[in-house]
Amino acid sequence: MDRLSLALVIVGAINWGLVGLFQFDLIAFLFGGQASLLSRVLYSIVGAAGLWSISLLFMGRERDRDEKHLRADGAGA
């Protein structure tokens, strides 16, 4: 799920880059305009992936903390 979310966030970032640099919305172009149902569904999915990806910011810290705890107990050596 994390990789899928990250891939969707990358798609969204590329699309926003295109909008910012060239005023070209690739999603709208491919799926019939910004107001089309398919575009809105895709925008919503990318938005949900962005929200899910927020958890990835903190996941590394939890892993680091767990690894330090294991090393302190001698289990990680």
Foldseek 3Di string as FASTA:
>chain_A
DLVVLVVLLVVVVVQVVCCVPPVDRPLCVVQPHCPDPSNVVSVVSNVVSVVVCVVVVCPVVVVVVVLVVCVVVVNND
